[in-house]
Amino acid sequence: MAKADRLERLDSRREELESEYRDALIAALRVAAGGRWGLFAHQKDKAAIARTAPVIAALSEMADEIDAMRDTLGLEPFALHADFMAARGPAVADAVGEPKQAMAWLERMGATA
């Protein structure tokens, strides 16, 4: 019974942390949608990279903790973070800008307002 209780507490904590991650990502996306470049690392702007590095580090740290919990619980890896990280990096010349990409992410997450 103790193991079941421990796993239930772990799952509750996982849900809380996933919600915190989602909120932090939405906040960062809103800043990017407002015109601040760097979150998606489309350009090699050192100032933008430095400005967004703490946000990316915090999101990655939360995602690592979530993935560890998910592994213990026998769940799939945290897809939201994997999808976000896959969307980062240099973009082709005709790709939409970071503010538009951030808006699309906000719409996808149901967080436009």
PDB file of N, CA and C in Angstrom:
ATOM      1  N   MET A   1       0.826  -1.196   0.000  1.00  0.00           N
ATOM      2  CA  MET A   1       0.000   0.000   0.000  1.00  0.00           C
ATOM      3  C   MET A   1       0.870   1.260   0.000  1.00  0.00           C
ATOM      4  N   ALA A   2       1.997   1.216   0.686  1.00  0.00           N
ATOM      5  CA  ALA A   2       2.862   2.382   0.770  1.00  0.00           C
ATOM      6  C   ALA A   2       3.395   2.762  -0.606  1.00  0.00           C
ATOM      7  N   LYS A   3       3.733   1.746  -1.419  1.00  0.00           N
ATOM      8  CA  LYS A   3       4.238   2.033  -2.756  1.00  0.00           C
ATOM      9  C   LYS A   3       3.166   2.705  -3.608  1.00  0.00           C
ATOM     10  N   ALA A   4       1.945   2.239  -3.505  1.00  0.00           N
ATOM     11  CA  ALA A   4       0.842   2.839  -4.261  1.00  0.00           C
ATOM     12  C   ALA A   4       0.639   4.295  -3.840  1.00  0.00           C
ATOM     13  N   ASP A   5       0.728   4.566  -2.553  1.00  0.00           N
ATOM     14  CA  ASP A   5       0.592   5.941  -2.064  1.00  0.00           C
ATOM     15  C   ASP A   5       1.725   6.816  -2.575  1.00  0.00           C
ATOM     16  N   ARG A   6       2.934   6.277  -2.555  1.00  0.00           N
ATOM     17  CA  ARG A   6       4.098   7.024  -3.028  1.00  0.00           C
ATOM     18  C   ARG A   6       3.955   7.339  -4.512  1.00  0.00           C
ATOM     19  N   LEU A   7       3.516   6.372  -5.299  1.00  0.00           N
ATOM     20  CA  LEU A   7       3.339   6.595  -6.728  1.00  0.00           C
ATOM     21  C   LEU A   7       2.214   7.594  -7.003  1.00  0.00           C
ATOM     22  N   GLU A   8       1.177   7.555  -6.195  1.00  0.00           N
ATOM     23  CA  GLU A   8       0.081   8.513  -6.354  1.00  0.00           C
ATOM     24  C   GLU A   8       0.569   9.937  -6.058  1.00  0.00           C
ATOM     25  N   ARG A   9       1.371  10.087  -5.012  1.00  0.00           N
ATOM     26  CA  ARG A   9       1.938  11.400  -4.696  1.00  0.00           C
ATOM     27  C   ARG A   9       2.872  11.872  -5.803  1.00  0.00           C
ATOM     28  N   LEU A  10       3.672  10.953  -6.326  1.00  0.00           N
ATOM     29  CA  LEU A  10       4.585  11.288  -7.414  1.00  0.00           C
ATOM     30  C   LEU A  10       3.807  11.738  -8.646  1.00  0.00           C
ATOM     31  N   ASP A  11       2.715  11.048  -8.950  1.00  0.00           N
ATOM     32  CA  ASP A  11       1.910  11.417 -10.106  1.00  0.00           C
ATOM     33  C   ASP A  11       1.248  12.781  -9.910  1.00  0.00           C
ATOM     34  N   SER A  12       0.814  13.064  -8.706  1.00  0.00           N
ATOM     35  CA  SER A  12       0.236  14.379  -8.412  1.00  0.00           C
ATOM     36  C   SER A  12       1.287  15.473  -8.587  1.00  0.00           C
ATOM     37  N   ARG A  13       2.490  15.223  -8.104  1.00  0.00           N
ATOM     38  CA  ARG A  13       3.578  16.189  -8.244  1.00  0.00           C
ATOM     39  C   ARG A  13       3.947  16.378  -9.715  1.00  0.00           C
ATOM     40  N   ARG A  14       3.929  15.291 -10.475  1.00  0.00           N
ATOM     41  CA  ARG A  14       4.199  15.370 -11.913  1.00  0.00           C
ATOM     42  C   ARG A  14       3.179  16.273 -12.597  1.00  0.00           C
ATOM     43  N   GLU A  15       1.917  16.101 -12.273  1.00  0.00           N
ATOM     44  CA  GLU A  15       0.871  16.929 -12.867  1.00  0.00           C
ATOM     45  C   GLU A  15       1.073  18.404 -12.512  1.00  0.00           C
ATOM     46  N   GLU A  16       1.438  18.671 -11.265  1.00  0.00           N
ATOM     47  CA  GLU A  16       1.700  20.050 -10.841  1.00  0.00           C
ATOM     48  C   GLU A  16       2.871  20.642 -11.627  1.00  0.00           C
ATOM     49  N   LEU A  17       3.952  19.870 -11.742  1.00  0.00           N
ATOM     50  CA  LEU A  17       5.141  20.359 -12.437  1.00  0.00           C
ATOM     51  C   LEU A  17       4.865  20.554 -13.930  1.00  0.00           C
ATOM     52  N   GLU A  18       4.078  19.682 -14.528  1.00  0.00           N
ATOM     53  CA  GLU A  18       3.723  19.854 -15.931  1.00  0.00           C
ATOM     54  C   GLU A  18       2.900  21.129 -16.118  1.00  0.00           C
ATOM     55  N   SER A  19       2.036  21.427 -15.176  1.00  0.00           N
ATOM     56  CA  SER A  19       1.251  22.658 -15.226  1.00  0.00           C
ATOM     57  C   SER A  19       2.164  23.879 -15.080  1.00  0.00           C
ATOM     58  N   GLU A  20       3.135  23.806 -14.168  1.00  0.00           N
ATOM     59  CA  GLU A  20       4.097  24.891 -13.997  1.00  0.00           C
ATOM     60  C   GLU A  20       4.920  25.091 -15.276  1.00  0.00           C
ATOM     61  N   TYR A  21       5.320  23.995 -15.888  1.00  0.00           N
ATOM     62  CA  TYR A  21       6.079  24.072 -17.138  1.00  0.00           C
ATOM     63  C   TYR A  21       5.236  24.767 -18.207  1.00  0.00           C
ATOM     64  N   ARG A  22       4.001  24.327 -18.341  1.00  0.00           N
ATOM     65  CA  ARG A  22       3.103  24.908 -19.346  1.00  0.00           C
ATOM     66  C   ARG A  22       2.942  26.413 -19.116  1.00  0.00           C
ATOM     67  N   ASP A  23       2.738  26.807 -17.865  1.00  0.00           N
ATOM     68  CA  ASP A  23       2.590  28.231 -17.539  1.00  0.00           C
ATOM     69  C   ASP A  23       3.854  29.017 -17.883  1.00  0.00           C
ATOM     70  N   ALA A  24       5.019  28.447 -17.577  1.00  0.00           N
ATOM     71  CA  ALA A  24       6.288  29.118 -17.869  1.00  0.00           C
ATOM     72  C   ALA A  24       6.503  29.231 -19.376  1.00  0.00           C
ATOM     73  N   LEU A  25       6.153  28.189 -20.118  1.00  0.00           N
ATOM     74  CA  LEU A  25       6.295  28.229 -21.571  1.00  0.00           C
ATOM     75  C   LEU A  25       5.344  29.268 -22.165  1.00  0.00           C
ATOM     76  N   ILE A  26       4.129  29.313 -21.687  1.00  0.00           N
ATOM     77  CA  ILE A  26       3.162  30.296 -22.177  1.00  0.00           C
ATOM     78  C   ILE A  26       3.669  31.715 -21.910  1.00  0.00           C
ATOM     79  N   ALA A  27       4.210  31.954 -20.729  1.00  0.00           N
ATOM     80  CA  ALA A  27       4.747  33.286 -20.416  1.00  0.00           C
ATOM     81  C   ALA A  27       5.867  33.657 -21.376  1.00  0.00           C
ATOM     82  N   ALA A  28       6.761  32.723 -21.655  1.00  0.00           N
ATOM     83  CA  ALA A  28       7.868  32.978 -22.583  1.00  0.00           C
ATOM     84  C   ALA A  28       7.346  33.188 -24.002  1.00  0.00           C
ATOM     85  N   LEU A  29       6.354  32.429 -24.399  1.00  0.00           N
ATOM     86  CA  LEU A  29       5.776  32.575 -25.728  1.00  0.00           C
ATOM     87  C   LEU A  29       5.091  33.926 -25.891  1.00  0.00           C
ATOM     88  N   ARG A  30       4.456  34.400 -24.842  1.00  0.00           N
ATOM     89  CA  ARG A  30       3.802  35.713 -24.910  1.00  0.00           C
ATOM     90  C   ARG A  30       4.822  36.829 -25.102  1.00  0.00           C
ATOM     91  N   VAL A  31       5.957  36.704 -24.441  1.00  0.00           N
ATOM     92  CA  VAL A  31       7.027  37.692 -24.630  1.00  0.00           C
ATOM     93  C   VAL A  31       7.514  37.640 -26.082  1.00  0.00           C
ATOM     94  N   ALA A  32       7.724  36.441 -26.592  1.00  0.00           N
ATOM     95  CA  ALA A  32       8.181  36.287 -27.977  1.00  0.00           C
ATOM     96  C   ALA A  32       7.131  36.796 -28.960  1.00  0.00           C
ATOM     97  N   ALA A  33       5.874  36.520 -28.692  1.00  0.00           N
ATOM     98  CA  ALA A  33       4.796  36.983 -29.567  1.00  0.00           C
ATOM     99  C   ALA A  33       4.709  38.504 -29.568  1.00  0.00           C
ATOM    100  N   GLY A  34       5.153  39.118 -28.490  1.00  0.00           N
ATOM    101  CA  GLY A  34       5.167  40.568 -28.391  1.00  0.00           C
ATOM    102  C   GLY A  34       6.300  41.219 -29.174  1.00  0.00           C
ATOM    103  N   GLY A  35       7.159  40.418 -29.773  1.00  0.00           N
ATOM    104  CA  GLY A  35       8.199  40.975 -30.624  1.00  0.00           C
ATOM    105  C   GLY A  35       9.629  40.724 -30.176  1.00  0.00           C
ATOM    106  N   ARG A  36       9.822  40.061 -29.053  1.00  0.00           N
ATOM    107  CA  ARG A  36      11.183  39.790 -28.582  1.00  0.00           C
ATOM    108  C   ARG A  36      11.692  38.487 -29.195  1.00  0.00           C
ATOM    109  N   TRP A  37      12.750  38.573 -29.949  1.00  0.00           N
ATOM    110  CA  TRP A  37      13.345  37.412 -30.616  1.00  0.00           C
ATOM    111  C   TRP A  37      14.294  36.684 -29.671  1.00  0.00           C
ATOM    112  N   GLY A  38      14.516  35.404 -29.940  1.00  0.00           N
ATOM    113  CA  GLY A  38      15.503  34.628 -29.203  1.00  0.00           C
ATOM    114  C   GLY A  38      14.981  33.312 -28.670  1.00  0.00           C
ATOM    115  N   LEU A  39      13.703  33.230 -28.363  1.00  0.00           N
ATOM    116  CA  LEU A  39      13.158  32.010 -27.761  1.00  0.00           C
ATOM    117  C   LEU A  39      13.313  30.804 -28.680  1.00  0.00           C
ATOM    118  N   PHE A  40      13.148  31.027 -29.971  1.00  0.00           N
ATOM    119  CA  PHE A  40      13.244  29.920 -30.924  1.00  0.00           C
ATOM    120  C   PHE A  40      14.626  29.814 -31.570  1.00  0.00           C
ATOM    121  N   ALA A  41      15.526  30.721 -31.213  1.00  0.00           N
ATOM    122  CA  ALA A  41      16.919  30.690 -31.680  1.00  0.00           C
ATOM    123  C   ALA A  41      17.035  30.612 -33.190  1.00  0.00           C
ATOM    124  N   HIS A  42      16.206  31.390 -33.892  1.00  0.00           N
ATOM    125  CA  HIS A  42      16.262  31.402 -35.354  1.00  0.00           C
ATOM    126  C   HIS A  42      17.498  32.131 -35.871  1.00  0.00           C
ATOM    127  N   GLN A  43      17.968  33.093 -35.113  1.00  0.00           N
ATOM    128  CA  GLN A  43      19.125  33.868 -35.539  1.00  0.00           C
ATOM    129  C   GLN A  43      20.285  33.625 -34.577  1.00  0.00           C
ATOM    130  N   LYS A  44      21.468  33.934 -35.031  1.00  0.00           N
ATOM    131  CA  LYS A  44      22.651  33.757 -34.186  1.00  0.00           C
ATOM    132  C   LYS A  44      22.984  35.050 -33.445  1.00  0.00           C
ATOM    133  N   ASP A  45      21.965  35.720 -32.943  1.00  0.00           N
ATOM    134  CA  ASP A  45      22.122  36.962 -32.189  1.00  0.00           C
ATOM    135  C   ASP A  45      22.558  36.607 -30.763  1.00  0.00           C
ATOM    136  N   LYS A  46      23.808  36.924 -30.441  1.00  0.00           N
ATOM    137  CA  LYS A  46      24.354  36.551 -29.135  1.00  0.00           C
ATOM    138  C   LYS A  46      23.590  37.187 -27.986  1.00  0.00           C
ATOM    139  N   ALA A  47      23.124  38.413 -28.148  1.00  0.00           N
ATOM    140  CA  ALA A  47      22.366  39.076 -27.087  1.00  0.00           C
ATOM    141  C   ALA A  47      21.029  38.371 -26.851  1.00  0.00           C
ATOM    142  N   ALA A  48      20.355  37.995 -27.939  1.00  0.00           N
ATOM    143  CA  ALA A  48      19.071  37.295 -27.809  1.00  0.00           C
ATOM    144  C   ALA A  48      19.276  35.913 -27.184  1.00  0.00           C
ATOM    145  N   ILE A  49      20.334  35.242 -27.579  1.00  0.00           N
ATOM    146  CA  ILE A  49      20.633  33.918 -27.019  1.00  0.00           C
ATOM    147  C   ILE A  49      20.901  34.038 -25.522  1.00  0.00           C
ATOM    148  N   ALA A  50      21.689  35.017 -25.133  1.00  0.00           N
ATOM    149  CA  ALA A  50      21.999  35.225 -23.711  1.00  0.00           C
ATOM    150  C   ALA A  50      20.751  35.612 -22.924  1.00  0.00           C
ATOM    151  N   ARG A  51      19.893  36.410 -23.528  1.00  0.00           N
ATOM    152  CA  ARG A  51      18.680  36.873 -22.853  1.00  0.00           C
ATOM    153  C   ARG A  51      17.703  35.723 -22.604  1.00  0.00           C
ATOM    154  N   THR A  52      17.634  34.783 -23.536  1.00  0.00           N
ATOM    155  CA  THR A  52      16.680  33.685 -23.391  1.00  0.00           C
ATOM    156  C   THR A  52      17.281  32.434 -22.752  1.00  0.00           C
ATOM    157  N   ALA A  53      18.588  32.402 -22.578  1.00  0.00           N
ATOM    158  CA  ALA A  53      19.244  31.217 -21.999  1.00  0.00           C
ATOM    159  C   ALA A  53      18.669  30.822 -20.637  1.00  0.00           C
ATOM    160  N   PRO A  54      18.409  31.761 -19.716  1.00  0.00           N
ATOM    161  CA  PRO A  54      17.841  31.351 -18.433  1.00  0.00           C
ATOM    162  C   PRO A  54      16.444  30.730 -18.563  1.00  0.00           C
ATOM    163  N   VAL A  55      15.663  31.219 -19.504  1.00  0.00           N
ATOM    164  CA  VAL A  55      14.316  30.671 -19.725  1.00  0.00           C
ATOM    165  C   VAL A  55      14.423  29.242 -20.248  1.00  0.00           C
ATOM    166  N   ILE A  56      15.275  29.052 -21.239  1.00  0.00           N
ATOM    167  CA  ILE A  56      15.461  27.714 -21.820  1.00  0.00           C
ATOM    168  C   ILE A  56      16.015  26.752 -20.766  1.00  0.00           C
ATOM    169  N   ALA A  57      16.959  27.224 -19.961  1.00  0.00           N
ATOM    170  CA  ALA A  57      17.539  26.375 -18.909  1.00  0.00           C
ATOM    171  C   ALA A  57      16.480  25.976 -17.888  1.00  0.00           C
ATOM    172  N   ALA A  58      15.640  26.920 -17.475  1.00  0.00           N
ATOM    173  CA  ALA A  58      14.593  26.615 -16.495  1.00  0.00           C
ATOM    174  C   ALA A  58      13.581  25.625 -17.060  1.00  0.00           C
ATOM    175  N   LEU A  59      13.179  25.824 -18.318  1.00  0.00           N
ATOM    176  CA  LEU A  59      12.241  24.890 -18.953  1.00  0.00           C
ATOM    177  C   LEU A  59      12.858  23.498 -19.074  1.00  0.00           C
ATOM    178  N   SER A  60      14.125  23.448 -19.462  1.00  0.00           N
ATOM    179  CA  SER A  60      14.804  22.153 -19.614  1.00  0.00           C
ATOM    180  C   SER A  60      14.963  21.438 -18.280  1.00  0.00           C
ATOM    181  N   GLU A  61      15.257  22.204 -17.235  1.00  0.00           N
ATOM    182  CA  GLU A  61      15.396  21.607 -15.901  1.00  0.00           C
ATOM    183  C   GLU A  61      14.064  21.014 -15.437  1.00  0.00           C
ATOM    184  N   MET A  62      12.986  21.761 -15.638  1.00  0.00           N
ATOM    185  CA  MET A  62      11.663  21.240 -15.267  1.00  0.00           C
ATOM    186  C   MET A  62      11.331  20.002 -16.085  1.00  0.00           C
ATOM    187  N   ALA A  63      11.631  20.048 -17.383  1.00  0.00           N
ATOM    188  CA  ALA A  63      11.332  18.919 -18.262  1.00  0.00           C
ATOM    189  C   ALA A  63      12.118  17.672 -17.856  1.00  0.00           C
ATOM    190  N   ASP A  64      13.372  17.856 -17.452  1.00  0.00           N
ATOM    191  CA  ASP A  64      14.174  16.719 -16.996  1.00  0.00           C
ATOM    192  C   ASP A  64      13.546  16.074 -15.754  1.00  0.00           C
ATOM    193  N   GLU A  65      13.096  16.907 -14.846  1.00  0.00           N
ATOM    194  CA  GLU A  65      12.451  16.396 -13.631  1.00  0.00           C
ATOM    195  C   GLU A  65      11.145  15.678 -13.980  1.00  0.00           C
ATOM    196  N   ILE A  66      10.383  16.262 -14.892  1.00  0.00           N
ATOM    197  CA  ILE A  66       9.126  15.647 -15.321  1.00  0.00           C
ATOM    198  C   ILE A  66       9.401  14.300 -15.987  1.00  0.00           C
ATOM    199  N   ASP A  67      10.398  14.261 -16.864  1.00  0.00           N
ATOM    200  CA  ASP A  67      10.730  13.006 -17.548  1.00  0.00           C
ATOM    201  C   ASP A  67      11.173  11.925 -16.564  1.00  0.00           C
ATOM    202  N   ALA A  68      11.910  12.306 -15.531  1.00  0.00           N
ATOM    203  CA  ALA A  68      12.324  11.331 -14.515  1.00  0.00           C
ATOM    204  C   ALA A  68      11.100  10.771 -13.800  1.00  0.00           C
ATOM    205  N   MET A  69      10.156  11.639 -13.472  1.00  0.00           N
ATOM    206  CA  MET A  69       8.921  11.187 -12.823  1.00  0.00           C
ATOM    207  C   MET A  69       8.125  10.284 -13.757  1.00  0.00           C
ATOM    208  N   ARG A  70       8.017  10.701 -15.012  1.00  0.00           N
ATOM    209  CA  ARG A  70       7.270   9.912 -15.994  1.00  0.00           C
ATOM    210  C   ARG A  70       7.912   8.534 -16.177  1.00  0.00           C
ATOM    211  N   ASP A  71       9.233   8.484 -16.171  1.00  0.00           N
ATOM    212  CA  ASP A  71       9.927   7.201 -16.300  1.00  0.00           C
ATOM    213  C   ASP A  71       9.606   6.294 -15.118  1.00  0.00           C
ATOM    214  N   THR A  72       9.639   6.855 -13.920  1.00  0.00           N
ATOM    215  CA  THR A  72       9.314   6.082 -12.720  1.00  0.00           C
ATOM    216  C   THR A  72       7.881   5.559 -12.775  1.00  0.00           C
ATOM    217  N   LEU A  73       6.995   6.363 -13.327  1.00  0.00           N
ATOM    218  CA  LEU A  73       5.580   5.992 -13.407  1.00  0.00           C
ATOM    219  C   LEU A  73       5.249   5.143 -14.630  1.00  0.00           C
ATOM    220  N   GLY A  74       6.239   4.916 -15.483  1.00  0.00           N
ATOM    221  CA  GLY A  74       6.017   4.104 -16.679  1.00  0.00           C
ATOM    222  C   GLY A  74       5.248   4.841 -17.763  1.00  0.00           C
ATOM    223  N   LEU A  75       5.393   6.160 -17.801  1.00  0.00           N
ATOM    224  CA  LEU A  75       4.705   6.981 -18.796  1.00  0.00           C
ATOM    225  C   LEU A  75       5.666   7.387 -19.908  1.00  0.00           C
ATOM    226  N   GLU A  76       5.103   7.794 -21.030  1.00  0.00           N
ATOM    227  CA  GLU A  76       5.891   8.289 -22.160  1.00  0.00           C
ATOM    228  C   GLU A  76       6.633   9.562 -21.746  1.00  0.00           C
ATOM    229  N   PRO A  77       7.738   9.906 -22.421  1.00  0.00           N
ATOM    230  CA  PRO A  77       8.447  11.158 -22.135  1.00  0.00           C
ATOM    231  C   PRO A  77       7.528  12.365 -22.347  1.00  0.00           C
ATOM    232  N   PHE A  78       7.898  13.479 -21.760  1.00  0.00           N
ATOM    233  CA  PHE A  78       7.129  14.719 -21.788  1.00  0.00           C
ATOM    234  C   PHE A  78       7.173  15.323 -23.191  1.00  0.00           C
ATOM    235  N   ALA A  79       6.116  15.175 -23.945  1.00  0.00           N
ATOM    236  CA  ALA A  79       6.084  15.553 -25.358  1.00  0.00           C
ATOM    237  C   ALA A  79       6.121  17.064 -25.576  1.00  0.00           C
ATOM    238  N   LEU A  80       5.519  17.841 -24.699  1.00  0.00           N
ATOM    239  CA  LEU A  80       5.468  19.285 -24.912  1.00  0.00           C
ATOM    240  C   LEU A  80       6.873  19.878 -25.002  1.00  0.00           C
ATOM    241  N   HIS A  81       7.739  19.481 -24.103  1.00  0.00           N
ATOM    242  CA  HIS A  81       9.107  20.005 -24.120  1.00  0.00           C
ATOM    243  C   HIS A  81       9.858  19.509 -25.358  1.00  0.00           C
ATOM    244  N   ALA A  82       9.704  18.256 -25.689  1.00  0.00           N
ATOM    245  CA  ALA A  82      10.384  17.709 -26.869  1.00  0.00           C
ATOM    246  C   ALA A  82       9.936  18.445 -28.133  1.00  0.00           C
ATOM    247  N   ASP A  83       8.648  18.718 -28.246  1.00  0.00           N
ATOM    248  CA  ASP A  83       8.130  19.445 -29.404  1.00  0.00           C
ATOM    249  C   ASP A  83       8.676  20.872 -29.444  1.00  0.00           C
ATOM    250  N   PHE A  84       8.708  21.519 -28.284  1.00  0.00           N
ATOM    251  CA  PHE A  84       9.220  22.884 -28.231  1.00  0.00           C
ATOM    252  C   PHE A  84      10.696  22.928 -28.630  1.00  0.00           C
ATOM    253  N   MET A  85      11.487  22.037 -28.075  1.00  0.00           N
ATOM    254  CA  MET A  85      12.918  22.033 -28.391  1.00  0.00           C
ATOM    255  C   MET A  85      13.153  21.712 -29.869  1.00  0.00           C
ATOM    256  N   ALA A  86      12.310  20.872 -30.452  1.00  0.00           N
ATOM    257  CA  ALA A  86      12.442  20.543 -31.870  1.00  0.00           C
ATOM    258  C   ALA A  86      12.118  21.742 -32.757  1.00  0.00           C
ATOM    259  N   ALA A  87      11.307  22.659 -32.244  1.00  0.00           N
ATOM    260  CA  ALA A  87      10.927  23.852 -33.011  1.00  0.00           C
ATOM    261  C   ALA A  87      11.994  24.936 -32.960  1.00  0.00           C
ATOM    262  N   ARG A  88      12.986  24.772 -32.103  1.00  0.00           N
ATOM    263  CA  ARG A  88      14.049  25.765 -31.960  1.00  0.00           C
ATOM    264  C   ARG A  88      15.152  25.515 -32.975  1.00  0.00           C
ATOM    265  N   GLY A  89      15.946  26.538 -33.226  1.00  0.00           N
ATOM    266  CA  GLY A  89      17.105  26.399 -34.086  1.00  0.00           C
ATOM    267  C   GLY A  89      16.991  27.234 -35.339  1.00  0.00           C
ATOM    268  N   PRO A  90      18.042  27.236 -36.121  1.00  0.00           N
ATOM    269  CA  PRO A  90      18.048  28.038 -37.348  1.00  0.00           C
ATOM    270  C   PRO A  90      16.856  27.698 -38.236  1.00  0.00           C
ATOM    271  N   ALA A  91      16.314  28.723 -38.860  1.00  0.00           N
ATOM    272  CA  ALA A  91      15.152  28.542 -39.726  1.00  0.00           C
ATOM    273  C   ALA A  91      15.529  28.851 -41.168  1.00  0.00           C
ATOM    274  N   VAL A  92      14.774  28.278 -42.075  1.00  0.00           N
ATOM    275  CA  VAL A  92      14.987  28.577 -43.488  1.00  0.00           C
ATOM    276  C   VAL A  92      14.591  30.025 -43.751  1.00  0.00           C
ATOM    277  N   ALA A  93      15.089  30.570 -44.837  1.00  0.00           N
ATOM    278  CA  ALA A  93      14.905  31.991 -45.123  1.00  0.00           C
ATOM    279  C   ALA A  93      13.441  32.416 -45.213  1.00  0.00           C
ATOM    280  N   ASP A  94      12.572  31.550 -45.687  1.00  0.00           N
ATOM    281  CA  ASP A  94      11.170  31.940 -45.849  1.00  0.00           C
ATOM    282  C   ASP A  94      10.276  31.497 -44.690  1.00  0.00           C
ATOM    283  N   ALA A  95      10.864  31.086 -43.582  1.00  0.00           N
ATOM    284  CA  ALA A  95      10.086  30.670 -42.410  1.00  0.00           C
ATOM    285  C   ALA A  95       9.459  31.896 -41.739  1.00  0.00           C
ATOM    286  N   VAL A  96       8.367  31.665 -41.039  1.00  0.00           N
ATOM    287  CA  VAL A  96       7.745  32.774 -40.309  1.00  0.00           C
ATOM    288  C   VAL A  96       8.688  33.229 -39.207  1.00  0.00           C
ATOM    289  N   GLY A  97       8.554  34.473 -38.795  1.00  0.00           N
ATOM    290  CA  GLY A  97       9.390  35.008 -37.734  1.00  0.00           C
ATOM    291  C   GLY A  97       9.011  34.440 -36.376  1.00  0.00           C
ATOM    292  N   GLU A  98       9.875  34.646 -35.412  1.00  0.00           N
ATOM    293  CA  GLU A  98       9.630  34.123 -34.071  1.00  0.00           C
ATOM    294  C   GLU A  98       8.332  34.639 -33.449  1.00  0.00           C
ATOM    295  N   PRO A  99       7.986  35.924 -33.598  1.00  0.00           N
ATOM    296  CA  PRO A  99       6.716  36.368 -33.012  1.00  0.00           C
ATOM    297  C   PRO A  99       5.508  35.611 -33.576  1.00  0.00           C
ATOM    298  N   LYS A 100       5.495  35.380 -34.881  1.00  0.00           N
ATOM    299  CA  LYS A 100       4.388  34.622 -35.481  1.00  0.00           C
ATOM    300  C   LYS A 100       4.426  33.159 -35.048  1.00  0.00           C
ATOM    301  N   GLN A 101       5.611  32.610 -34.941  1.00  0.00           N
ATOM    302  CA  GLN A 101       5.735  31.229 -34.486  1.00  0.00           C
ATOM    303  C   GLN A 101       5.240  31.112 -33.044  1.00  0.00           C
ATOM    304  N   ALA A 102       5.568  32.088 -32.216  1.00  0.00           N
ATOM    305  CA  ALA A 102       5.105  32.085 -30.824  1.00  0.00           C
ATOM    306  C   ALA A 102       3.581  32.176 -30.767  1.00  0.00           C
ATOM    307  N   MET A 103       2.993  33.019 -31.617  1.00  0.00           N
ATOM    308  CA  MET A 103       1.527  33.128 -31.658  1.00  0.00           C
ATOM    309  C   MET A 103       0.896  31.794 -32.050  1.00  0.00           C
ATOM    310  N   ALA A 104       1.499  31.114 -33.014  1.00  0.00           N
ATOM    311  CA  ALA A 104       0.984  29.812 -33.434  1.00  0.00           C
ATOM    312  C   ALA A 104       1.057  28.810 -32.279  1.00  0.00           C
ATOM    313  N   TRP A 105       2.134  28.855 -31.514  1.00  0.00           N
ATOM    314  CA  TRP A 105       2.270  27.977 -30.353  1.00  0.00           C
ATOM    315  C   TRP A 105       1.217  28.305 -29.294  1.00  0.00           C
ATOM    316  N   LEU A 106       0.977  29.580 -29.068  1.00  0.00           N
ATOM    317  CA  LEU A 106      -0.029  29.977 -28.098  1.00  0.00           C
ATOM    318  C   LEU A 106      -1.412  29.489 -28.530  1.00  0.00           C
ATOM    319  N   GLU A 107      -1.714  29.600 -29.802  1.00  0.00           N
ATOM    320  CA  GLU A 107      -2.993  29.095 -30.310  1.00  0.00           C
ATOM    321  C   GLU A 107      -3.067  27.581 -30.135  1.00  0.00           C
ATOM    322  N   ARG A 108      -2.004  26.903 -30.458  1.00  0.00           N
ATOM    323  CA  ARG A 108      -1.957  25.444 -30.310  1.00  0.00           C
ATOM    324  C   ARG A 108      -2.216  25.020 -28.856  1.00  0.00           C
ATOM    325  N   MET A 109      -1.704  25.826 -27.934  1.00  0.00           N
ATOM    326  CA  MET A 109      -1.853  25.505 -26.511  1.00  0.00           C
ATOM    327  C   MET A 109      -3.147  26.067 -25.927  1.00  0.00           C
ATOM    328  N   GLY A 110      -3.933  26.749 -26.759  1.00  0.00           N
ATOM    329  CA  GLY A 110      -5.190  27.316 -26.275  1.00  0.00           C
ATOM    330  C   GLY A 110      -4.975  28.464 -25.312  1.00  0.00           C
ATOM    331  N   ALA A 111      -3.912  29.212 -25.512  1.00  0.00           N
ATOM    332  CA  ALA A 111      -3.540  30.272 -24.555  1.00  0.00           C
ATOM    333  C   ALA A 111      -3.563  31.657 -25.171  1.00  0.00           C
ATOM    334  N   THR A 112      -4.301  31.839 -26.245  1.00  0.00           N
ATOM    335  CA  THR A 112      -4.368  33.166 -26.838  1.00  0.00           C
ATOM    336  C   THR A 112      -5.404  33.994 -26.099  1.00  0.00           C
ATOM    337  N   ALA A 113      -4.966  35.109 -25.623  1.00  0.00           N
ATOM    338  CA  ALA A 113      -5.882  36.035 -24.936  1.00  0.00           C
ATOM    339  C   ALA A 113      -5.133  37.270 -24.537  1.00  0.00           C
TER     340      ALA A 113
END
